[in-house]
Amino acid sequence: DALALPTREVDVLLAPLAGPWMKLADGVDFVRAVAPRTVIPIHD
């Protein structure tokens, strides 16, 4: 339950989609910042 960025390139990101601690825009920004090859949405 954190949106802190990894320190290296990511192949597959398990990306939180929703939660009482985030907005949809936060999730989109996180995916865009990490820029993995594959995103699997979770936590929904």
PDB file of all heavy atoms in Angstrom:
ATOM      1  N   ASP A   1       0.842  -1.203   0.000  1.00  0.00           N
ATOM      2  CA  ASP A   1       0.000   0.000   0.000  1.00  0.00           C
ATOM      3  C   ASP A   1       0.873   1.247   0.000  1.00  0.00           C
ATOM      4  O   ASP A   1       0.771   2.126   0.868  1.00  0.00           O
ATOM      5  CB  ASP A   1      -0.936  -0.004   1.207  1.00  0.00           C
ATOM      6  CG  ASP A   1      -2.130  -0.929   1.012  1.00  0.00           C
ATOM      7  OD1 ASP A   1      -2.171  -1.641  -0.006  1.00  0.00           O
ATOM      8  OD2 ASP A   1      -3.011  -0.958   1.899  1.00  0.00           O
ATOM      9  N   ALA A   2       1.759   1.316  -0.982  1.00  0.00           N
ATOM     10  CA  ALA A   2       2.647   2.466  -1.134  1.00  0.00           C
ATOM     11  C   ALA A   2       2.787   2.749  -2.617  1.00  0.00           C
ATOM     12  O   ALA A   2       2.722   1.844  -3.442  1.00  0.00           O
ATOM     13  CB  ALA A   2       4.010   2.184  -0.505  1.00  0.00           C
ATOM     14  N   LEU A   3       3.015   3.997  -2.920  1.00  0.00           N
ATOM     15  CA  LEU A   3       3.238   4.407  -4.306  1.00  0.00           C
ATOM     16  C   LEU A   3       4.653   4.960  -4.473  1.00  0.00           C
ATOM     17  O   LEU A   3       4.896   5.800  -5.336  1.00  0.00           O
ATOM     18  CB  LEU A   3       2.186   5.442  -4.725  1.00  0.00           C
ATOM     19  CG  LEU A   3       0.735   4.948  -4.677  1.00  0.00           C
ATOM     20  CD1 LEU A   3      -0.232   6.072  -5.056  1.00  0.00           C
ATOM     21  CD2 LEU A   3       0.522   3.736  -5.583  1.00  0.00           C
ATOM     22  N   ALA A   4       5.573   4.450  -3.649  1.00  0.00           N
ATOM     23  CA  ALA A   4       6.982   4.832  -3.773  1.00  0.00           C
ATOM     24  C   ALA A   4       7.575   4.140  -4.997  1.00  0.00           C
ATOM     25  O   ALA A   4       7.287   2.968  -5.270  1.00  0.00           O
ATOM     26  CB  ALA A   4       7.741   4.428  -2.514  1.00  0.00           C
ATOM     27  N   LEU A   5       8.409   4.858  -5.722  1.00  0.00           N
ATOM     28  CA  LEU A   5       8.936   4.337  -6.970  1.00  0.00           C
ATOM     29  C   LEU A   5      10.072   3.352  -6.729  1.00  0.00           C
ATOM     30  O   LEU A   5      10.865   3.519  -5.793  1.00  0.00           O
ATOM     31  CB  LEU A   5       9.437   5.485  -7.848  1.00  0.00           C
ATOM     32  CG  LEU A   5       8.398   6.522  -8.260  1.00  0.00           C
ATOM     33  CD1 LEU A   5       9.054   7.601  -9.115  1.00  0.00           C
ATOM     34  CD2 LEU A   5       7.242   5.866  -9.002  1.00  0.00           C
ATOM     35  N   PRO A   6      10.162   2.312  -7.561  1.00  0.00           N
ATOM     36  CA  PRO A   6      11.290   1.380  -7.469  1.00  0.00           C
ATOM     37  C   PRO A   6      12.579   2.070  -7.908  1.00  0.00           C
ATOM     38  O   PRO A   6      12.552   3.126  -8.546  1.00  0.00           O
ATOM     39  CB  PRO A   6      10.898   0.256  -8.430  1.00  0.00           C
ATOM     40  CG  PRO A   6       9.995   0.920  -9.423  1.00  0.00           C
ATOM     41  CD  PRO A   6       9.247   1.974  -8.660  1.00  0.00           C
ATOM     42  N   THR A   7      13.696   1.440  -7.566  1.00  0.00           N
ATOM     43  CA  THR A   7      14.996   2.031  -7.883  1.00  0.00           C
ATOM     44  C   THR A   7      15.607   1.468  -9.155  1.00  0.00           C
ATOM     45  O   THR A   7      16.729   1.829  -9.508  1.00  0.00           O
ATOM     46  CB  THR A   7      15.975   1.811  -6.719  1.00  0.00           C
ATOM     47  OG1 THR A   7      16.098   0.403  -6.473  1.00  0.00           O
ATOM     48  CG2 THR A   7      15.480   2.501  -5.459  1.00  0.00           C
ATOM     49  N   ARG A   8      14.892   0.574  -9.828  1.00  0.00           N
ATOM     50  CA  ARG A   8      15.384   0.005 -11.076  1.00  0.00           C
ATOM     51  C   ARG A   8      14.214  -0.221 -12.013  1.00  0.00           C
ATOM     52  O   ARG A   8      13.044  -0.109 -11.614  1.00  0.00           O
ATOM     53  CB  ARG A   8      16.120  -1.316 -10.826  1.00  0.00           C
ATOM     54  CG  ARG A   8      15.290  -2.373 -10.101  1.00  0.00           C
ATOM     55  CD  ARG A   8      15.926  -3.743 -10.206  1.00  0.00           C
ATOM     56  NE  ARG A   8      15.941  -4.210 -11.582  1.00  0.00           N
ATOM     57  CZ  ARG A   8      16.588  -5.308 -11.981  1.00  0.00           C
ATOM     58  NH1 ARG A   8      17.255  -6.023 -11.112  1.00  0.00           N
ATOM     59  NH2 ARG A   8      16.555  -5.687 -13.248  1.00  0.00           N
ATOM     60  N   GLU A   9      14.520  -0.528 -13.255  1.00  0.00           N
ATOM     61  CA  GLU A   9      13.479  -0.765 -14.245  1.00  0.00           C
ATOM     62  C   GLU A   9      12.660  -1.994 -13.859  1.00  0.00           C
ATOM     63  O   GLU A   9      13.175  -2.953 -13.287  1.00  0.00           O
ATOM     64  CB  GLU A   9      14.109  -0.958 -15.624  1.00  0.00           C
ATOM     65  CG  GLU A   9      13.102  -1.032 -16.761  1.00  0.00           C
ATOM     66  CD  GLU A   9      13.776  -1.009 -18.122  1.00  0.00           C
ATOM     67  OE1 GLU A   9      14.779  -0.293 -18.274  1.00  0.00           O
ATOM     68  OE2 GLU A   9      13.282  -1.720 -19.017  1.00  0.00           O
ATOM     69  N   VAL A  10      11.367  -1.934 -14.170  1.00  0.00           N
ATOM     70  CA  VAL A  10      10.430  -2.989 -13.763  1.00  0.00           C
ATOM     71  C   VAL A  10       9.862  -3.677 -14.999  1.00  0.00           C
ATOM     72  O   VAL A  10       9.440  -3.019 -15.948  1.00  0.00           O
ATOM     73  CB  VAL A  10       9.285  -2.389 -12.911  1.00  0.00           C
ATOM     74  CG1 VAL A  10       8.212  -3.431 -12.636  1.00  0.00           C
ATOM     75  CG2 VAL A  10       9.844  -1.830 -11.608  1.00  0.00           C
ATOM     76  N   ASP A  11       9.844  -4.996 -14.961  1.00  0.00           N
ATOM     77  CA  ASP A  11       9.223  -5.773 -16.030  1.00  0.00           C
ATOM     78  C   ASP A  11       7.719  -5.848 -15.800  1.00  0.00           C
ATOM     79  O   ASP A  11       6.920  -5.456 -16.651  1.00  0.00           O
ATOM     80  CB  ASP A  11       9.842  -7.171 -16.058  1.00  0.00           C
ATOM     81  CG  ASP A  11       9.391  -7.998 -17.258  1.00  0.00           C
ATOM     82  OD1 ASP A  11       8.607  -7.483 -18.071  1.00  0.00           O
ATOM     83  OD2 ASP A  11       9.820  -9.156 -17.377  1.00  0.00           O
ATOM     84  N   VAL A  12       7.306  -6.337 -14.627  1.00  0.00           N
ATOM     85  CA  VAL A  12       5.886  -6.491 -14.292  1.00  0.00           C
ATOM     86  C   VAL A  12       5.594  -5.709 -13.015  1.00  0.00           C
ATOM     87  O   VAL A  12       6.224  -5.933 -11.980  1.00  0.00           O
ATOM     88  CB  VAL A  12       5.510  -7.969 -14.087  1.00  0.00           C
ATOM     89  CG1 VAL A  12       4.023  -8.097 -13.748  1.00  0.00           C
ATOM     90  CG2 VAL A  12       5.859  -8.788 -15.329  1.00  0.00           C
ATOM     91  N   LEU A  13       4.632  -4.812 -13.082  1.00  0.00           N
ATOM     92  CA  LEU A  13       4.201  -4.022 -11.927  1.00  0.00           C
ATOM     93  C   LEU A  13       2.831  -4.495 -11.476  1.00  0.00           C
ATOM     94  O   LEU A  13       1.886  -4.532 -12.269  1.00  0.00           O
ATOM     95  CB  LEU A  13       4.132  -2.538 -12.299  1.00  0.00           C
ATOM     96  CG  LEU A  13       3.501  -1.609 -11.250  1.00  0.00           C
ATOM     97  CD1 LEU A  13       4.346  -1.556  -9.986  1.00  0.00           C
ATOM     98  CD2 LEU A  13       3.304  -0.206 -11.835  1.00  0.00           C
ATOM     99  N   LEU A  14       2.717  -4.857 -10.204  1.00  0.00           N
ATOM    100  CA  LEU A  14       1.418  -5.136  -9.606  1.00  0.00           C
ATOM    101  C   LEU A  14       0.913  -3.814  -9.046  1.00  0.00           C
ATOM    102  O   LEU A  14       1.360  -3.356  -7.981  1.00  0.00           O
ATOM    103  CB  LEU A  14       1.549  -6.194  -8.504  1.00  0.00           C
ATOM    104  CG  LEU A  14       2.241  -7.494  -8.910  1.00  0.00           C
ATOM    105  CD1 LEU A  14       2.214  -8.504  -7.759  1.00  0.00           C
ATOM    106  CD2 LEU A  14       1.602  -8.099 -10.158  1.00  0.00           C
ATOM    107  N   ALA A  15       0.009  -3.172  -9.768  1.00  0.00           N
ATOM    108  CA  ALA A  15      -0.350  -1.787  -9.498  1.00  0.00           C
ATOM    109  C   ALA A  15      -1.674  -1.681  -8.746  1.00  0.00           C
ATOM    110  O   ALA A  15      -2.710  -2.136  -9.248  1.00  0.00           O
ATOM    111  CB  ALA A  15      -0.451  -1.005 -10.812  1.00  0.00           C
ATOM    112  N   PRO A  16      -1.678  -1.072  -7.558  1.00  0.00           N
ATOM    113  CA  PRO A  16      -2.948  -0.844  -6.854  1.00  0.00           C
ATOM    114  C   PRO A  16      -3.886  -0.001  -7.707  1.00  0.00           C
ATOM    115  O   PRO A  16      -3.488   1.027  -8.268  1.00  0.00           O
ATOM    116  CB  PRO A  16      -2.521  -0.100  -5.587  1.00  0.00           C
ATOM    117  CG  PRO A  16      -1.074  -0.427  -5.406  1.00  0.00           C
ATOM    118  CD  PRO A  16      -0.524  -0.575  -6.797  1.00  0.00           C
ATOM    119  N   LEU A  17      -5.130  -0.451  -7.773  1.00  0.00           N
ATOM    120  CA  LEU A  17      -6.108   0.242  -8.608  1.00  0.00           C
ATOM    121  C   LEU A  17      -6.987   1.185  -7.799  1.00  0.00           C
ATOM    122  O   LEU A  17      -7.502   2.173  -8.324  1.00  0.00           O
ATOM    123  CB  LEU A  17      -6.987  -0.794  -9.322  1.00  0.00           C
ATOM    124  CG  LEU A  17      -7.720  -0.364 -10.584  1.00  0.00           C
ATOM    125  CD1 LEU A  17      -6.741   0.025 -11.675  1.00  0.00           C
ATOM    126  CD2 LEU A  17      -8.635  -1.487 -11.087  1.00  0.00           C
ATOM    127  N   ALA A  18      -7.162   0.873  -6.507  1.00  0.00           N
ATOM    128  CA  ALA A  18      -8.042   1.678  -5.666  1.00  0.00           C
ATOM    129  C   ALA A  18      -7.732   1.386  -4.205  1.00  0.00           C
ATOM    130  O   ALA A  18      -7.113   0.382  -3.870  1.00  0.00           O
ATOM    131  CB  ALA A  18      -9.505   1.356  -5.962  1.00  0.00           C
ATOM    132  N   GLY A  19      -8.196   2.257  -3.339  1.00  0.00           N
ATOM    133  CA  GLY A  19      -8.045   2.075  -1.906  1.00  0.00           C
ATOM    134  C   GLY A  19      -8.462   3.347  -1.193  1.00  0.00           C
ATOM    135  O   GLY A  19      -8.527   4.421  -1.820  1.00  0.00           O
ATOM    136  N   PRO A  20      -8.717   3.282   0.111  1.00  0.00           N
ATOM    137  CA  PRO A  20      -9.122   4.478   0.852  1.00  0.00           C
ATOM    138  C   PRO A  20      -7.995   5.497   0.984  1.00  0.00           C
ATOM    139  O   PRO A  20      -8.221   6.604   1.470  1.00  0.00           O
ATOM    140  CB  PRO A  20      -9.527   3.928   2.222  1.00  0.00           C
ATOM    141  CG  PRO A  20      -8.784   2.650   2.357  1.00  0.00           C
ATOM    142  CD  PRO A  20      -8.687   2.085   0.978  1.00  0.00           C
ATOM    143  N   TRP A  21      -6.796   5.138   0.525  1.00  0.00           N
ATOM    144  CA  TRP A  21      -5.632   6.012   0.640  1.00  0.00           C
ATOM    145  C   TRP A  21      -5.175   6.553  -0.718  1.00  0.00           C
ATOM    146  O   TRP A  21      -4.117   7.194  -0.799  1.00  0.00           O
ATOM    147  CB  TRP A  21      -4.464   5.248   1.286  1.00  0.00           C
ATOM    148  CG  TRP A  21      -4.301   3.849   0.766  1.00  0.00           C
ATOM    149  CD1 TRP A  21      -4.848   2.712   1.287  1.00  0.00           C
ATOM    150  CD2 TRP A  21      -3.558   3.437  -0.388  1.00  0.00           C
ATOM    151  NE1 TRP A  21      -4.493   1.619   0.537  1.00  0.00           N
ATOM    152  CE2 TRP A  21      -3.701   2.027  -0.494  1.00  0.00           C
ATOM    153  CE3 TRP A  21      -2.780   4.099  -1.328  1.00  0.00           C
ATOM    154  CZ2 TRP A  21      -3.102   1.289  -1.512  1.00  0.00           C
ATOM    155  CZ3 TRP A  21      -2.183   3.367  -2.347  1.00  0.00           C
ATOM    156  CH2 TRP A  21      -2.347   1.977  -2.422  1.00  0.00           C
ATOM    157  N   MET A  22      -5.963   6.334  -1.771  1.00  0.00           N
ATOM    158  CA  MET A  22      -5.527   6.795  -3.083  1.00  0.00           C
ATOM    159  C   MET A  22      -6.697   7.237  -3.947  1.00  0.00           C
ATOM    160  O   MET A  22      -7.835   6.812  -3.763  1.00  0.00           O
ATOM    161  CB  MET A  22      -4.754   5.697  -3.821  1.00  0.00           C
ATOM    162  CG  MET A  22      -5.588   4.488  -4.226  1.00  0.00           C
ATOM    163  SD  MET A  22      -4.644   3.217  -5.137  1.00  0.00           S
ATOM    164  CE  MET A  22      -4.346   4.054  -6.707  1.00  0.00           C
ATOM    165  N   LYS A  23      -6.388   8.111  -4.905  1.00  0.00           N
ATOM    166  CA  LYS A  23      -7.318   8.491  -5.960  1.00  0.00           C
ATOM    167  C   LYS A  23      -6.918   7.754  -7.237  1.00  0.00           C
ATOM    168  O   LYS A  23      -5.783   7.299  -7.378  1.00  0.00           O
ATOM    169  CB  LYS A  23      -7.273   9.993  -6.206  1.00  0.00           C
ATOM    170  CG  LYS A  23      -7.640  10.860  -5.023  1.00  0.00           C
ATOM    171  CD  LYS A  23      -7.568  12.335  -5.372  1.00  0.00           C
ATOM    172  CE  LYS A  23      -6.154  12.773  -5.711  1.00  0.00           C
ATOM    173  NZ  LYS A  23      -6.048  14.231  -5.941  1.00  0.00           N
ATOM    174  N   LEU A  24      -7.846   7.662  -8.165  1.00  0.00           N
ATOM    175  CA  LEU A  24      -7.539   7.048  -9.451  1.00  0.00           C
ATOM    176  C   LEU A  24      -6.359   7.758 -10.115  1.00  0.00           C
ATOM    177  O   LEU A  24      -5.475   7.114 -10.691  1.00  0.00           O
ATOM    178  CB  LEU A  24      -8.772   7.101 -10.361  1.00  0.00           C
ATOM    179  CG  LEU A  24      -8.584   6.650 -11.813  1.00  0.00           C
ATOM    180  CD1 LEU A  24      -8.013   5.245 -11.889  1.00  0.00           C
ATOM    181  CD2 LEU A  24      -9.908   6.736 -12.555  1.00  0.00           C
ATOM    182  N   ALA A  25      -6.306   9.079 -10.006  1.00  0.00           N
ATOM    183  CA  ALA A  25      -5.206   9.832 -10.609  1.00  0.00           C
ATOM    184  C   ALA A  25      -3.861   9.416 -10.017  1.00  0.00           C
ATOM    185  O   ALA A  25      -2.845   9.391 -10.721  1.00  0.00           O
ATOM    186  CB  ALA A  25      -5.424  11.326 -10.412  1.00  0.00           C
ATOM    187  N   ASP A  26      -3.835   9.083  -8.715  1.00  0.00           N
ATOM    188  CA  ASP A  26      -2.590   8.629  -8.085  1.00  0.00           C
ATOM    189  C   ASP A  26      -2.105   7.334  -8.735  1.00  0.00           C
ATOM    190  O   ASP A  26      -0.908   7.158  -8.987  1.00  0.00           O
ATOM    191  CB  ASP A  26      -2.797   8.387  -6.587  1.00  0.00           C
ATOM    192  CG  ASP A  26      -3.182   9.637  -5.829  1.00  0.00           C
ATOM    193  OD1 ASP A  26      -2.755  10.740  -6.244  1.00  0.00           O
ATOM    194  OD2 ASP A  26      -3.901   9.514  -4.820  1.00  0.00           O
ATOM    195  N   GLY A  27      -3.047   6.422  -8.992  1.00  0.00           N
ATOM    196  CA  GLY A  27      -2.687   5.156  -9.612  1.00  0.00           C
ATOM    197  C   GLY A  27      -2.169   5.338 -11.027  1.00  0.00           C
ATOM    198  O   GLY A  27      -1.207   4.685 -11.441  1.00  0.00           O
ATOM    199  N   VAL A  28      -2.797   6.233 -11.782  1.00  0.00           N
ATOM    200  CA  VAL A  28      -2.344   6.504 -13.151  1.00  0.00           C
ATOM    201  C   VAL A  28      -0.944   7.108 -13.122  1.00  0.00           C
ATOM    202  O   VAL A  28      -0.048   6.698 -13.887  1.00  0.00           O
ATOM    203  CB  VAL A  28      -3.322   7.445 -13.867  1.00  0.00           C
ATOM    204  CG1 VAL A  28      -2.768   7.854 -15.227  1.00  0.00           C
ATOM    205  CG2 VAL A  28      -4.682   6.769 -14.038  1.00  0.00           C
ATOM    206  N   ASP A  29      -0.720   8.071 -12.239  1.00  0.00           N
ATOM    207  CA  ASP A  29       0.600   8.703 -12.143  1.00  0.00           C
ATOM    208  C   ASP A  29       1.666   7.681 -11.756  1.00  0.00           C
ATOM    209  O   ASP A  29       2.808   7.740 -12.243  1.00  0.00           O
ATOM    210  CB  ASP A  29       0.572   9.838 -11.123  1.00  0.00           C
ATOM    211  CG  ASP A  29      -0.191  11.060 -11.613  1.00  0.00           C
ATOM    212  OD1 ASP A  29      -0.433  11.167 -12.838  1.00  0.00           O
ATOM    213  OD2 ASP A  29      -0.543  11.910 -10.764  1.00  0.00           O
ATOM    214  N   PHE A  30       1.318   6.761 -10.875  1.00  0.00           N
ATOM    215  CA  PHE A  30       2.272   5.725 -10.441  1.00  0.00           C
ATOM    216  C   PHE A  30       2.674   4.845 -11.625  1.00  0.00           C
ATOM    217  O   PHE A  30       3.863   4.588 -11.851  1.00  0.00           O
ATOM    218  CB  PHE A  30       1.622   4.898  -9.331  1.00  0.00           C
ATOM    219  CG  PHE A  30       2.506   3.827  -8.746  1.00  0.00           C
ATOM    220  CD1 PHE A  30       3.735   4.132  -8.196  1.00  0.00           C
ATOM    221  CD2 PHE A  30       2.072   2.513  -8.725  1.00  0.00           C
ATOM    222  CE1 PHE A  30       4.542   3.137  -7.632  1.00  0.00           C
ATOM    223  CE2 PHE A  30       2.858   1.515  -8.168  1.00  0.00           C
ATOM    224  CZ  PHE A  30       4.095   1.826  -7.626  1.00  0.00           C
ATOM    225  N   VAL A  31       1.687   4.389 -12.380  1.00  0.00           N
ATOM    226  CA  VAL A  31       1.987   3.551 -13.547  1.00  0.00           C
ATOM    227  C   VAL A  31       2.838   4.313 -14.552  1.00  0.00           C
ATOM    228  O   VAL A  31       3.805   3.772 -15.116  1.00  0.00           O
ATOM    229  CB  VAL A  31       0.681   3.051 -14.196  1.00  0.00           C
ATOM    230  CG1 VAL A  31       0.947   2.422 -15.560  1.00  0.00           C
ATOM    231  CG2 VAL A  31      -0.019   2.053 -13.275  1.00  0.00           C
ATOM    232  N   ARG A  32       2.518   5.560 -14.776  1.00  0.00           N
ATOM    233  CA  ARG A  32       3.272   6.356 -15.744  1.00  0.00           C
ATOM    234  C   ARG A  32       4.711   6.591 -15.275  1.00  0.00           C
ATOM    235  O   ARG A  32       5.651   6.609 -16.079  1.00  0.00           O
ATOM    236  CB  ARG A  32       2.570   7.688 -15.998  1.00  0.00           C
ATOM    237  CG  ARG A  32       1.256   7.528 -16.767  1.00  0.00           C
ATOM    238  CD  ARG A  32       0.503   8.857 -16.866  1.00  0.00           C
ATOM    239  NE  ARG A  32       1.247   9.866 -17.595  1.00  0.00           N
ATOM    240  CZ  ARG A  32       1.253   9.996 -18.913  1.00  0.00           C
ATOM    241  NH1 ARG A  32       0.550   9.166 -19.667  1.00  0.00           N
ATOM    242  NH2 ARG A  32       1.939  10.957 -19.498  1.00  0.00           N
ATOM    243  N   ALA A  33       4.899   6.760 -13.973  1.00  0.00           N
ATOM    244  CA  ALA A  33       6.239   7.004 -13.447  1.00  0.00           C
ATOM    245  C   ALA A  33       7.098   5.749 -13.482  1.00  0.00           C
ATOM    246  O   ALA A  33       8.290   5.810 -13.787  1.00  0.00           O
ATOM    247  CB  ALA A  33       6.149   7.542 -12.022  1.00  0.00           C
ATOM    248  N   VAL A  34       6.500   4.606 -13.178  1.00  0.00           N
ATOM    249  CA  VAL A  34       7.254   3.346 -13.182  1.00  0.00           C
ATOM    250  C   VAL A  34       7.514   2.892 -14.620  1.00  0.00           C
ATOM    251  O   VAL A  34       8.590   2.370 -14.937  1.00  0.00           O
ATOM    252  CB  VAL A  34       6.508   2.263 -12.394  1.00  0.00           C
ATOM    253  CG1 VAL A  34       7.243   0.922 -12.466  1.00  0.00           C
ATOM    254  CG2 VAL A  34       6.335   2.682 -10.932  1.00  0.00           C
ATOM    255  N   ALA A  35       6.519   3.063 -15.498  1.00  0.00           N
ATOM    256  CA  ALA A  35       6.630   2.695 -16.919  1.00  0.00           C
ATOM    257  C   ALA A  35       7.143   1.266 -17.113  1.00  0.00           C
ATOM    258  O   ALA A  35       8.137   1.042 -17.798  1.00  0.00           O
ATOM    259  CB  ALA A  35       7.527   3.684 -17.649  1.00  0.00           C
ATOM    260  N   PRO A  36       6.446   0.273 -16.542  1.00  0.00           N
ATOM    261  CA  PRO A  36       6.874  -1.112 -16.705  1.00  0.00           C
ATOM    262  C   PRO A  36       6.484  -1.643 -18.077  1.00  0.00           C
ATOM    263  O   PRO A  36       5.736  -0.996 -18.820  1.00  0.00           O
ATOM    264  CB  PRO A  36       6.085  -1.836 -15.618  1.00  0.00           C
ATOM    265  CG  PRO A  36       4.799  -1.066 -15.559  1.00  0.00           C
ATOM    266  CD  PRO A  36       5.197   0.374 -15.793  1.00  0.00           C
ATOM    267  N   ARG A  37       6.946  -2.828 -18.404  1.00  0.00           N
ATOM    268  CA  ARG A  37       6.500  -3.470 -19.635  1.00  0.00           C
ATOM    269  C   ARG A  37       5.056  -3.945 -19.492  1.00  0.00           C
ATOM    270  O   ARG A  37       4.267  -3.858 -20.432  1.00  0.00           O
ATOM    271  CB  ARG A  37       7.409  -4.652 -19.963  1.00  0.00           C
ATOM    272  CG  ARG A  37       8.829  -4.256 -20.334  1.00  0.00           C
ATOM    273  CD  ARG A  37       9.689  -5.468 -20.577  1.00  0.00           C
ATOM    274  NE  ARG A  37      11.068  -5.088 -20.879  1.00  0.00           N
ATOM    275  CZ  ARG A  37      12.083  -5.930 -20.916  1.00  0.00           C
ATOM    276  NH1 ARG A  37      11.884  -7.212 -20.669  1.00  0.00           N
ATOM    277  NH2 ARG A  37      13.303  -5.506 -21.195  1.00  0.00           N
ATOM    278  N   THR A  38       4.726  -4.460 -18.302  1.00  0.00           N
ATOM    279  CA  THR A  38       3.388  -5.009 -18.068  1.00  0.00           C
ATOM    280  C   THR A  38       2.852  -4.503 -16.738  1.00  0.00           C
ATOM    281  O   THR A  38       3.584  -4.460 -15.739  1.00  0.00           O
ATOM    282  CB  THR A  38       3.433  -6.552 -18.026  1.00  0.00           C
ATOM    283  OG1 THR A  38       3.951  -7.039 -19.275  1.00  0.00           O
ATOM    284  CG2 THR A  38       2.055  -7.141 -17.789  1.00  0.00           C
ATOM    285  N   VAL A  39       1.585  -4.124 -16.722  1.00  0.00           N
ATOM    286  CA  VAL A  39       0.884  -3.736 -15.494  1.00  0.00           C
ATOM    287  C   VAL A  39      -0.236  -4.740 -15.243  1.00  0.00           C
ATOM    288  O   VAL A  39      -1.051  -5.007 -16.138  1.00  0.00           O
ATOM    289  CB  VAL A  39       0.267  -2.332 -15.607  1.00  0.00           C
ATOM    290  CG1 VAL A  39      -0.615  -2.042 -14.394  1.00  0.00           C
ATOM    291  CG2 VAL A  39       1.345  -1.280 -15.731  1.00  0.00           C
ATOM    292  N   ILE A  40      -0.265  -5.292 -14.040  1.00  0.00           N
ATOM    293  CA  ILE A  40      -1.388  -6.114 -13.601  1.00  0.00           C
ATOM    294  C   ILE A  40      -2.106  -5.339 -12.505  1.00  0.00           C
ATOM    295  O   ILE A  40      -1.536  -5.099 -11.433  1.00  0.00           O
ATOM    296  CB  ILE A  40      -0.924  -7.478 -13.078  1.00  0.00           C
ATOM    297  CG1 ILE A  40      -0.226  -8.270 -14.187  1.00  0.00           C
ATOM    298  CG2 ILE A  40      -2.111  -8.276 -12.523  1.00  0.00           C
ATOM    299  CD1 ILE A  40       0.356  -9.597 -13.721  1.00  0.00           C
ATOM    300  N   PRO A  41      -3.351  -4.887 -12.738  1.00  0.00           N
ATOM    301  CA  PRO A  41      -4.060  -4.143 -11.707  1.00  0.00           C
ATOM    302  C   PRO A  41      -4.505  -5.053 -10.566  1.00  0.00           C
ATOM    303  O   PRO A  41      -4.987  -6.167 -10.788  1.00  0.00           O
ATOM    304  CB  PRO A  41      -5.259  -3.557 -12.453  1.00  0.00           C
ATOM    305  CG  PRO A  41      -5.461  -4.447 -13.635  1.00  0.00           C
ATOM    306  CD  PRO A  41      -4.117  -4.980 -14.002  1.00  0.00           C
ATOM    307  N   ILE A  42      -4.312  -4.575  -9.335  1.00  0.00           N
ATOM    308  CA  ILE A  42      -4.700  -5.328  -8.138  1.00  0.00           C
ATOM    309  C   ILE A  42      -5.362  -4.374  -7.148  1.00  0.00           C
ATOM    310  O   ILE A  42      -5.574  -3.204  -7.440  1.00  0.00           O
ATOM    311  CB  ILE A  42      -3.474  -6.018  -7.480  1.00  0.00           C
ATOM    312  CG1 ILE A  42      -2.478  -4.969  -6.963  1.00  0.00           C
ATOM    313  CG2 ILE A  42      -2.789  -6.960  -8.462  1.00  0.00           C
ATOM    314  CD1 ILE A  42      -1.396  -5.544  -6.071  1.00  0.00           C
ATOM    315  N   HIS A  43      -5.709  -4.893  -5.983  1.00  0.00           N
ATOM    316  CA  HIS A  43      -6.194  -4.092  -4.858  1.00  0.00           C
ATOM    317  C   HIS A  43      -7.462  -3.329  -5.234  1.00  0.00           C
ATOM    318  O   HIS A  43      -7.569  -2.117  -5.027  1.00  0.00           O
ATOM    319  CB  HIS A  43      -5.097  -3.123  -4.394  1.00  0.00           C
ATOM    320  CG  HIS A  43      -5.225  -2.718  -2.951  1.00  0.00           C
ATOM    321  ND1 HIS A  43      -6.024  -1.687  -2.532  1.00  0.00           N
ATOM    322  CD2 HIS A  43      -4.650  -3.212  -1.827  1.00  0.00           C
ATOM    323  CE1 HIS A  43      -5.938  -1.547  -1.229  1.00  0.00           C
ATOM    324  NE2 HIS A  43      -5.095  -2.476  -0.771  1.00  0.00           N
ATOM    325  N   ASP A  44      -8.445  -4.063  -5.780  1.00  0.00           N
ATOM    326  CA  ASP A  44      -9.656  -3.393  -6.260  1.00  0.00           C
ATOM    327  C   ASP A  44     -10.940  -4.046  -5.765  1.00  0.00           C
ATOM    328  O   ASP A  44     -12.014  -3.786  -6.316  1.00  0.00           O
ATOM    329  CB  ASP A  44      -9.660  -3.347  -7.790  1.00  0.00           C
ATOM    330  CG  ASP A  44      -9.617  -4.727  -8.430  1.00  0.00           C
ATOM    331  OD1 ASP A  44      -9.584  -5.740  -7.698  1.00  0.00           O
ATOM    332  OD2 ASP A  44      -9.617  -4.797  -9.679  1.00  0.00           O
TER     333      ASP A  44
END
